Each structure stands twice: as structure tokens, then as C-alpha cells.
């Protein structure tokens, strides 16, 4: 079984469209650095 992992960091409360496109088909997301807004985690959970 293969998983695709997306890694993103330092969003500072902003999820840029190019980041959303890059993460669109991943199975899991790891966020490092400054999140800035808890809604970022909610949005990332909707993706993976």
C-alpha cells in the first residue's frame, strides 16, 4: 500500500490556491511551523 504525504509549513493563517492545488490528492498532510489560524487545520483536514 502506498500513501502520498503533503508537507506544508508557515501558512500564517493563509492557504494559498497553489498550495491547495498541490495538496489536492494527498492521503495525509503534515503542517510544520506557524499555523496562524485554527481554521487552517480544519481546511487541511477536509483535504486529507
C-alpha atoms as a PDB file:
ATOM      1  CA  UNK A   1       0.000   0.000   0.000  1.00  0.00           C
ATOM      2  CA  UNK A   2       1.320   3.452  -0.916  1.00  0.00           C
ATOM      3  CA  UNK A   3       0.427   6.770   0.692  1.00  0.00           C
ATOM      4  CA  UNK A   4       1.116  10.250  -0.589  1.00  0.00           C
ATOM      5  CA  UNK A   5       2.089  12.754   2.089  1.00  0.00           C
ATOM      6  CA  UNK A   6       1.872  16.512   1.590  1.00  0.00           C
ATOM      7  CA  UNK A   7       4.060  18.779   3.687  1.00  0.00           C
ATOM      8  CA  UNK A   8       3.260  22.447   4.244  1.00  0.00           C
ATOM      9  CA  UNK A   9       4.604  24.978   6.713  1.00  0.00           C
ATOM     10  CA  UNK A  10       4.314  28.545   7.918  1.00  0.00           C
ATOM     11  CA  UNK A  11       0.866  29.241   6.480  1.00  0.00           C
ATOM     12  CA  UNK A  12       0.371  32.147   8.934  1.00  0.00           C
ATOM     13  CA  UNK A  13      -3.414  31.895   8.538  1.00  0.00           C
ATOM     14  CA  UNK A  14      -3.411  31.800   4.730  1.00  0.00           C
ATOM     15  CA  UNK A  15      -3.889  28.789   2.450  1.00  0.00           C
ATOM     16  CA  UNK A  16      -2.772  29.912  -0.972  1.00  0.00           C
ATOM     17  CA  UNK A  17      -4.534  28.460  -4.046  1.00  0.00           C
ATOM     18  CA  UNK A  18      -1.307  26.909  -5.334  1.00  0.00           C
ATOM     19  CA  UNK A  19      -0.845  25.105  -2.010  1.00  0.00           C
ATOM     20  CA  UNK A  20      -4.405  23.782  -2.150  1.00  0.00           C
ATOM     21  CA  UNK A  21      -3.811  22.507  -5.686  1.00  0.00           C
ATOM     22  CA  UNK A  22      -0.578  20.803  -4.630  1.00  0.00           C
ATOM     23  CA  UNK A  23      -2.294  19.090  -1.676  1.00  0.00           C
ATOM     24  CA  UNK A  24      -5.498  18.150  -3.512  1.00  0.00           C
ATOM     25  CA  UNK A  25      -4.698  14.454  -3.968  1.00  0.00           C
ATOM     26  CA  UNK A  26      -2.587  13.573  -0.939  1.00  0.00           C
ATOM     27  CA  UNK A  27      -3.565  10.991   1.662  1.00  0.00           C
ATOM     28  CA  UNK A  28      -2.025  12.752   4.672  1.00  0.00           C
ATOM     29  CA  UNK A  29      -0.825  16.285   5.396  1.00  0.00           C
ATOM     30  CA  UNK A  30       1.918  17.351   7.784  1.00  0.00           C
ATOM     31  CA  UNK A  31       1.949  21.017   8.802  1.00  0.00           C
ATOM     32  CA  UNK A  32       5.118  22.458  10.308  1.00  0.00           C
ATOM     33  CA  UNK A  33       5.820  25.951  11.505  1.00  0.00           C
ATOM     34  CA  UNK A  34       3.355  28.757  12.208  1.00  0.00           C
ATOM     35  CA  UNK A  35      -0.312  27.965  11.561  1.00  0.00           C
ATOM     36  CA  UNK A  36      -1.701  31.376  12.493  1.00  0.00           C
ATOM     37  CA  UNK A  37      -5.386  30.409  12.494  1.00  0.00           C
ATOM     38  CA  UNK A  38      -7.002  27.156  13.692  1.00  0.00           C
ATOM     39  CA  UNK A  39      -9.251  27.235  10.601  1.00  0.00           C
ATOM     40  CA  UNK A  40      -6.177  26.247   8.575  1.00  0.00           C
ATOM     41  CA  UNK A  41      -6.140  22.856  10.307  1.00  0.00           C
ATOM     42  CA  UNK A  42      -9.869  22.439   9.659  1.00  0.00           C
ATOM     43  CA  UNK A  43      -9.360  23.211   5.971  1.00  0.00           C
ATOM     44  CA  UNK A  44      -6.437  20.787   5.715  1.00  0.00           C
ATOM     45  CA  UNK A  45      -8.473  18.050   7.416  1.00  0.00           C
ATOM     46  CA  UNK A  46     -11.115  18.424   4.695  1.00  0.00           C
ATOM     47  CA  UNK A  47      -8.444  17.617   2.121  1.00  0.00           C
ATOM     48  CA  UNK A  48      -6.766  14.664   3.852  1.00  0.00           C
END
